[in-house]
Protein backbone atom coordinates (compact mmCIF):
# COMPACT_ATOMS: atom_id res chain seq x y z
CA MET A 1 132.70 155.62 118.06
CA ARG A 2 130.12 152.95 117.30
CA THR A 3 129.70 151.04 114.07
CA ILE A 4 127.60 148.06 113.04
CA LEU A 5 128.72 145.80 110.22
CA VAL A 6 126.62 143.09 108.64
CA SER A 7 128.45 139.97 107.51
CA PRO A 8 128.02 139.26 103.80
CA ILE A 9 126.73 135.76 104.58
CA ILE A 10 123.72 137.25 106.37
CA LEU A 11 123.34 140.56 104.54
CA ALA A 12 120.51 139.29 102.36
CA ALA A 13 118.51 138.31 105.42
CA VAL A 14 118.66 141.74 107.05
CA ALA A 15 116.09 144.10 105.57
CA ALA A 16 115.73 146.78 108.24
CA ALA A 17 118.23 149.47 109.12
CA LEU A 18 120.36 148.58 112.12
CA PRO A 19 120.22 148.66 115.08
CA ALA A 20 116.94 146.80 115.06
CA GLN A 21 114.94 144.03 116.63
CA LEU A 22 115.89 140.58 115.40
CA THR A 23 113.35 137.76 115.06
CA ILE A 24 113.76 134.03 114.44
CA THR A 25 110.95 131.54 113.73
CA ASP A 26 110.39 127.84 113.22
CA GLY A 27 106.79 126.72 112.83
CA ASN A 28 104.80 128.53 115.53
CA MET A 29 107.94 129.09 117.63
CA SER A 30 109.21 132.65 117.50
CA ALA A 31 111.72 134.71 119.47
CA THR A 32 112.42 138.42 119.14
CA THR A 33 115.27 140.25 120.85
CA ASP A 34 115.28 144.04 120.97
CA ALA A 35 117.71 146.44 119.33
CA LEU A 36 120.99 147.03 121.09
CA SER A 37 121.48 150.16 123.18
CA ALA A 38 124.66 152.20 123.23
CA THR A 39 124.07 153.49 126.76
CA SER A 40 121.42 151.59 128.71
CA GLN A 41 122.39 148.75 131.06
CA SER A 42 118.79 147.48 131.10
CA PRO A 43 118.00 144.02 129.73
CA ARG A 44 116.78 143.87 126.15
CA SER A 45 113.09 143.22 125.70
CA PHE A 46 112.33 139.69 124.55
CA ASP A 47 109.30 138.00 122.98
CA LEU A 48 108.76 134.24 123.22
CA LEU A 49 105.86 132.82 121.17
CA ALA A 50 104.96 129.16 120.72
CA ASP A 51 101.43 128.86 119.28
CA ALA A 52 99.25 130.04 116.41
CA LEU A 53 97.64 132.65 118.68
CA ALA A 54 101.03 134.37 119.10
CA VAL A 55 100.73 134.63 122.88
CA ASN A 56 103.88 136.25 124.26
CA HIS A 57 105.38 134.46 127.27
CA ALA A 58 108.38 136.72 127.92
CA TYR A 59 109.34 140.26 128.84
CA GLU A 60 113.17 140.51 128.95
CA HIS A 61 116.23 138.34 128.36
CA TRP A 62 119.87 139.47 128.27
CA TRP A 63 123.50 138.77 129.10
CA TYR A 64 125.87 140.58 131.46
CA TYR A 65 129.55 140.28 132.32
CA ARG A 66 132.00 141.48 134.97
CA VAL A 67 135.79 141.39 134.64
CA ALA A 68 137.75 140.90 137.85
CA GLY A 69 138.30 144.35 139.38
CA ASP A 70 135.21 145.95 137.80
CA THR A 71 132.98 147.99 140.09
CA SER A 72 129.71 146.66 138.62
CA GLU A 73 128.22 144.28 136.07
CA SER A 74 127.85 145.49 132.47
CA ALA A 75 125.32 144.64 129.77
CA LEU A 76 126.31 143.77 126.23
CA ARG A 77 125.80 147.07 124.39
CA LEU A 78 126.31 148.84 121.08
CA VAL A 79 129.88 149.91 121.76
CA GLY A 80 132.62 149.38 119.19
CA THR A 81 132.12 147.16 116.14
CA VAL A 82 129.05 144.92 116.25
CA ASN A 83 128.11 142.42 113.56
CA GLU A 84 124.49 141.26 113.67
CA GLY A 85 121.76 139.67 111.64
CA VAL A 86 119.54 136.63 111.06
CA VAL A 87 120.74 133.52 109.23
CA GLY A 88 117.88 131.83 107.40
CA THR A 89 114.87 132.03 109.71
CA THR A 90 116.11 130.21 112.82
CA HIS A 91 119.45 131.73 113.90
CA ILE A 92 120.40 135.13 115.36
CA ASP A 93 124.04 136.15 115.37
CA ARG A 94 125.32 139.19 117.31
CA ASP A 95 129.11 139.56 117.34
CA PHE A 96 130.80 142.06 119.66
CA ALA A 97 134.32 142.36 118.24
CA ASP A 98 135.75 144.06 121.34
CA VAL A 99 133.27 144.27 124.23
CA ASP A 100 133.02 147.86 125.49
CA SER A 101 136.22 148.61 123.49
CA ARG A 102 138.40 147.41 126.38
CA GLY A 103 140.76 145.20 124.38
CA LEU A 104 139.92 142.22 126.61
CA LEU A 105 137.04 140.07 125.37
CA ARG A 106 135.27 139.29 122.13
CA MET A 107 131.77 137.88 122.51
CA SER A 108 129.18 136.48 120.14
CA LEU A 109 125.57 135.98 121.16
CA ASP A 110 123.82 133.24 119.19
CA MET A 111 120.12 132.39 119.44
CA ASP A 112 118.39 129.44 117.78
CA THR A 113 114.78 128.31 117.75
CA TYR A 114 113.19 124.97 116.97
CA SER A 115 109.53 123.92 116.98
CA THR A 116 108.54 120.60 118.55
CA GLY A 117 104.80 120.86 117.86
CA PRO A 118 101.91 123.30 117.27
CA ALA A 119 102.42 124.95 120.67
CA SER A 120 105.86 123.84 121.87
CA GLY A 121 109.53 124.24 121.15
CA VAL A 122 112.82 125.64 122.36
CA VAL A 123 114.97 128.73 122.10
CA ILE A 124 118.67 128.40 122.86
CA SER A 125 120.61 131.49 123.89
CA ARG A 126 124.39 130.97 123.80
CA LEU A 127 127.19 133.40 124.64
CA ASN A 128 130.64 132.62 123.24
CA VAL A 129 133.59 134.44 124.83
CA MET A 130 137.19 134.79 123.58
CA ASN A 131 140.11 136.48 125.32
CA ILE A 132 141.61 138.81 122.68
CA SER A 133 144.26 140.24 125.02
CA ASN A 134 147.81 139.06 125.67
CA ALA A 135 147.21 138.21 129.33
CA PRO A 136 144.77 135.92 131.19
CA VAL A 137 141.35 137.48 131.89
CA THR A 138 139.08 136.42 134.77
CA PHE A 139 135.40 137.28 134.50
CA ASP A 140 131.84 136.40 135.54
CA ILE A 141 128.91 135.90 133.15
CA PHE A 142 125.22 136.42 133.98
CA ALA A 143 122.12 135.40 131.98
CA TYR A 144 118.88 137.12 133.03
CA THR A 145 115.31 136.17 132.02
CA ASP A 146 111.92 137.68 132.87
CA LEU A 147 108.95 135.52 131.86
CA ASP A 148 105.29 136.56 131.80
CA VAL A 149 103.64 133.23 131.00
CA THR A 150 100.59 133.73 128.73
CA GLY A 151 101.20 137.47 128.93
CA SER A 152 100.35 137.77 132.61
CA SER A 153 102.58 138.57 135.58
CA GLY A 154 102.35 138.02 139.30
CA ASN A 155 100.73 134.58 139.16
CA ASP A 156 103.74 132.39 138.33
CA SER A 157 104.61 129.17 140.14
CA VAL A 158 108.24 128.08 139.93
CA THR A 159 109.90 124.76 140.76
CA GLY A 160 113.35 123.45 139.95
CA ASN A 161 116.89 123.88 141.21
CA GLY A 162 120.05 125.92 140.71
CA SER A 163 120.30 125.11 137.01
CA SER A 164 116.62 124.73 136.06
CA HIS A 165 113.70 127.08 136.71
CA VAL A 166 110.37 125.57 135.63
CA VAL A 167 107.77 128.31 135.37
CA THR A 168 104.01 127.90 134.95
CA ASP A 169 100.81 129.80 135.76
CA PRO A 170 97.07 128.95 135.97
CA SER A 171 96.98 128.45 132.17
CA GLY A 172 99.10 125.31 132.55
CA VAL A 173 101.73 126.43 130.01
CA ARG A 174 105.11 125.19 131.26
CA ILE A 175 108.40 126.92 130.42
CA GLU A 176 111.75 125.64 131.60
CA VAL A 177 114.71 128.03 131.79
CA ARG A 178 117.79 125.80 132.00
CA ALA A 179 121.48 126.71 132.23
CA LEU A 180 124.43 124.44 131.49
CA GLY A 181 127.35 124.36 133.90
CA ASN A 182 126.49 127.47 135.92
CA ASP A 183 127.78 128.12 139.45
CA LYS A 184 125.07 130.28 141.03
CA SER A 185 121.42 131.12 140.47
CA GLU A 186 118.63 133.28 141.83
CA VAL A 187 114.85 133.46 141.51
CA GLY A 188 112.91 136.52 142.62
CA ALA A 189 110.10 138.93 141.87
CA TYR A 190 110.61 141.76 139.39
CA PRO A 191 112.73 143.93 139.66
CA THR A 192 115.01 142.57 142.42
CA ILE A 193 117.44 140.59 140.26
CA ARG A 194 117.27 143.12 137.43
CA ASN A 195 118.33 145.86 139.83
CA LYS A 196 121.36 143.85 140.91
CA LEU A 197 122.60 143.68 137.35
CA ILE A 198 122.03 147.32 136.36
CA ASN A 199 123.13 149.13 139.52
CA ALA A 200 126.59 150.65 140.06
CA VAL A 201 127.99 148.10 142.53
CA VAL A 202 129.27 144.52 142.38
CA ASP A 203 126.55 141.91 142.98
CA ASP A 204 126.64 138.13 142.91
CA LEU A 205 123.51 136.02 142.71
CA SER A 206 122.22 134.89 146.12
CA ASP A 207 121.29 131.26 145.33
CA ALA A 208 117.68 131.99 146.34
CA LEU A 209 116.19 129.00 144.51
CA PRO A 210 112.72 127.59 143.74
CA PRO A 211 110.06 127.04 144.90
CA PHE A 212 108.79 130.55 144.23
CA ALA A 213 105.37 132.12 143.66
CA GLY A 214 104.79 135.57 142.18
CA ASP A 215 106.21 137.56 139.26
CA TYR A 216 109.09 135.36 138.06
CA THR A 217 112.49 136.69 137.11
CA GLY A 218 115.58 134.53 137.23
CA ALA A 219 119.28 134.58 136.48
CA PHE A 220 122.27 132.27 136.28
CA GLN A 221 125.90 133.12 137.04
CA TRP A 222 129.11 131.49 135.83
CA GLN A 223 131.66 132.63 138.38
CA SER A 224 135.37 133.51 138.16
CA ARG A 225 136.13 131.93 134.80
CA THR A 226 139.67 132.55 133.52
CA LEU A 227 140.68 132.45 129.87
CA ALA A 228 144.26 132.37 128.63
CA PRO A 229 145.11 134.65 125.68
CA PHE A 230 143.09 133.57 122.62
CA ALA A 231 141.24 130.89 124.55
CA GLN A 232 137.48 130.59 124.02
CA THR A 233 134.53 129.17 125.94
CA SER A 234 130.71 129.13 125.85
CA PHE A 235 127.70 129.65 128.14
CA GLN A 236 124.21 128.39 127.31
CA VAL A 237 120.63 128.90 128.46
CA LEU A 238 117.71 126.89 127.04
CA LEU A 239 114.08 128.07 127.14
CA ALA A 240 111.73 125.13 126.52
CA VAL A 241 108.00 125.75 126.07
CA ASP A 242 105.85 122.70 126.85
CA THR A 243 108.57 120.25 125.89
CA ALA A 244 110.83 118.10 128.06
CA ALA A 245 114.01 118.87 126.10
CA PHE A 246 115.63 115.91 127.79
CA ALA A 247 118.83 115.97 125.70
CA ALA A 248 119.89 119.54 124.98
CA PRO A 249 121.93 120.20 121.85
CA VAL A 250 125.29 121.64 122.90
CA VAL A 251 127.70 123.95 121.07
CA GLU A 252 130.76 124.65 123.20
CA TYR A 253 134.17 126.17 122.55
CA TYR A 254 137.33 124.88 124.21
CA GLY A 255 141.08 125.30 123.96
CA VAL A 256 143.35 128.09 122.71
CA GLY A 257 144.01 129.45 119.24
CA ASN A 258 147.15 131.30 118.19
CA GLY A 259 145.37 134.60 117.61
CA SER A 260 142.00 136.30 117.38
CA ASN A 261 142.05 136.14 113.57
CA GLY A 262 139.88 133.21 112.59
CA GLU A 263 137.11 131.39 114.40
CA ILE A 264 135.20 128.15 113.92
CA GLN A 265 131.43 128.38 114.39
CA THR A 266 128.02 126.98 113.47
CA ASP A 267 124.74 128.73 112.73
CA ALA A 268 122.42 125.77 113.41
CA LEU A 269 121.42 123.56 116.32
CA PRO A 270 123.05 120.10 116.28
CA LEU A 271 119.64 118.53 116.74
CA GLN A 272 118.35 115.03 116.10
CA ASP A 273 114.97 115.03 114.36
CA ASN A 274 113.70 111.53 113.66
CA ALA A 275 111.15 112.89 111.20
CA ASN A 276 113.57 114.75 108.92
CA ILE A 277 117.13 114.72 107.72
CA ARG A 278 118.68 117.97 108.96
CA GLN A 279 121.58 119.96 107.53
CA PHE A 280 124.30 121.08 109.92
CA SER A 281 127.13 123.41 108.89
CA LEU A 282 130.53 124.27 110.33
CA GLN A 283 132.11 127.55 109.29
CA LEU A 284 135.47 129.28 109.37
CA VAL A 285 135.04 133.05 109.76
CA HIS A 286 137.29 136.14 110.15
CA ALA A 287 140.05 134.41 108.15
CA LEU A 288 142.25 135.93 105.45
CA PRO A 289 140.40 136.32 102.10
CA PHE A 290 141.26 133.97 99.24
CA THR A 291 143.58 131.85 101.34
CA GLU A 292 143.93 128.09 101.68
CA PHE A 293 142.06 126.60 104.62
CA ARG A 294 141.36 123.29 106.34
CA ILE A 295 138.46 122.29 108.60
CA GLY A 296 139.11 119.11 110.57
CA THR A 297 136.45 117.14 112.47
CA SER A 298 137.13 114.26 114.86
CA VAL A 299 135.14 112.04 117.22
CA ALA A 300 137.44 112.98 120.13
CA PRO A 301 139.24 116.06 121.45
CA ILE A 302 142.91 116.21 122.26
CA ASN A 303 144.82 118.59 124.51
CA ALA A 304 147.10 120.80 122.39
CA PHE A 305 148.73 117.89 120.56
CA PRO A 306 151.72 119.24 118.52
CA ILE A 307 151.37 117.05 115.44
CA VAL A 308 153.07 119.85 113.42
CA PRO A 309 155.58 122.19 115.08
CA GLY A 310 153.86 125.52 115.73
CA ILE A 311 150.30 124.12 115.54
CA ASP A 312 148.30 122.99 118.56
CA MET A 313 145.71 120.39 117.58
CA TRP A 314 142.46 120.41 119.57
CA VAL A 315 140.93 117.49 117.65
CA ASP A 316 142.36 113.97 117.75
CA PRO A 317 144.13 113.39 114.40
CA GLY A 318 143.91 109.62 114.90
CA LEU A 319 140.11 109.67 115.06
CA MET A 320 139.25 112.07 112.25
CA ILE A 321 135.87 111.99 110.53
CA GLY A 322 137.28 114.14 107.78
CA LEU A 323 139.62 116.98 106.80
CA TRP A 324 138.15 119.37 104.27
CA GLY A 325 139.86 122.23 102.49
CA GLY A 326 139.88 124.78 99.73
CA PHE A 327 140.11 128.56 99.63
CA THR A 328 138.21 131.13 101.65
CA ASP A 329 136.02 133.64 99.84
CA ALA A 330 136.50 137.42 99.58
CA ASN A 331 135.25 137.78 103.15
CA GLY A 332 137.55 135.17 104.69
CA PHE A 333 134.67 132.70 105.01
CA ALA A 334 134.49 128.96 104.38
CA GLN A 335 131.85 126.34 105.18
CA GLU A 336 131.44 122.59 105.30
CA SER A 337 127.92 121.12 105.58
CA PHE A 338 126.74 117.74 106.81
CA LEU A 339 123.46 115.88 106.99
CA ILE A 340 122.23 114.52 110.33
CA PRO A 341 120.23 111.39 109.42
CA THR A 342 117.07 110.26 111.14
CA SER A 343 118.75 107.48 113.13
CA PRO A 344 117.87 107.88 116.84
CA TYR A 345 121.26 106.48 117.85
CA LEU A 346 123.00 109.78 117.11
CA THR A 347 121.44 111.52 120.12
CA GLY A 348 124.28 112.45 122.48
CA PHE A 349 126.99 111.99 119.83
CA THR A 350 129.69 114.71 120.05
CA ALA A 351 132.01 115.81 117.26
CA TYR A 352 135.03 118.11 117.63
CA THR A 353 136.12 120.63 115.00
CA GLN A 354 139.03 123.00 114.42
CA GLY A 355 139.87 125.45 111.64
CA PHE A 356 143.21 126.37 110.01
CA TYR A 357 144.18 128.85 107.30
CA VAL A 358 147.42 129.95 105.69
CA ASP A 359 148.73 133.37 106.73
CA GLY A 360 152.36 134.46 106.90
CA ALA A 361 151.41 137.00 109.59
CA ALA A 362 150.48 134.22 112.04
CA PRO A 363 152.69 133.94 115.16
CA ASN A 364 154.21 130.68 113.85
CA GLY A 365 154.88 132.32 110.49
CA PHE A 366 152.64 130.17 108.31
CA VAL A 367 149.15 129.35 109.63
CA PHE A 368 146.48 130.59 112.02
CA TYR A 369 144.56 127.92 113.94
CA THR A 370 141.37 128.25 115.94
CA THR A 371 140.21 126.87 119.25
CA GLY A 372 138.18 123.66 119.24
CA LEU A 373 134.41 123.50 118.90
CA ALA A 374 132.41 120.63 120.42
CA THR A 375 128.93 120.01 118.99
CA GLN A 376 126.72 117.46 120.75
CA ILE A 377 123.57 116.22 119.01
CA GLY A 378 120.51 116.71 121.18
CA LYS A 379 116.92 115.45 121.05
CA LEU A 380 113.84 117.41 122.01
């Protein structure tokens, strides 16, 4: 059985029947990811536009996973309950409540775009993974990208290293595909890497790195990551078109909650823009409706500090920026918003956030708490 639900906070932004392509834009920057498939393991088609001429620089981009003991890699697909839509114009949210209905992992795929000029900008593709089972789960994650710079293939020139593939062609347009914290990488001509991810056997990336000339495809692998029950972590790939993106904005989960009910998240890039004050929001989702909540933000993390018996704190209570509260809405949703000022000194600043809400069904008998969420302000 397959169902798609659209969160009430994004329902107004979704006009087409689902499943569907999803598009985000900021200035001339635009990214479109294809509709989900229930059966195909193939990567989803992907458009990457950065100028007024709407020249498409991409062909495919998608995420794969492999749990220890699996006989092959698997694509994120339309299996089980999927929540998807566009928030505003710049954020895509695809939530896989129980990936492949295995009772092991919940994943959310977030994409954000930001323009840095008339023909430049970034797209950030981030996969958040939570262990929803009652035992540790070990898995690998793969992010695959096929670029056709200026709409052409076969004439790419690639430089870089194991975490950064810088792709250009005779047009001079430069696109960097950068991963954060990956373990392995591979660059190769279409369809060699693609075939590794969609075939019926286990494949790891070969670490065949740049330089490369030809029809670029590339992938990154995060290898043998283990999550404890209700722990959460993140994986990120940045695609930068004709911009240095020297300080990437980072959104990264850490720590362990006391259940899969309730999650802290953001739907915007924590990005420094010296020309404009930018709004940044932190949200509590999947909580109990009409219940009391708290969202705490600190300038430092802490490792499961038991300030209250039965609650593990993942933010340092002695260095709090603030503790906000109230009641969730009918959908178990709450939000706190902040303004990032134009001061350049905020670049690289990291804040740490955790959510809490009252629920007698929680394992401790009174409150659910989330993992921690680190958000580092970047500058493009």
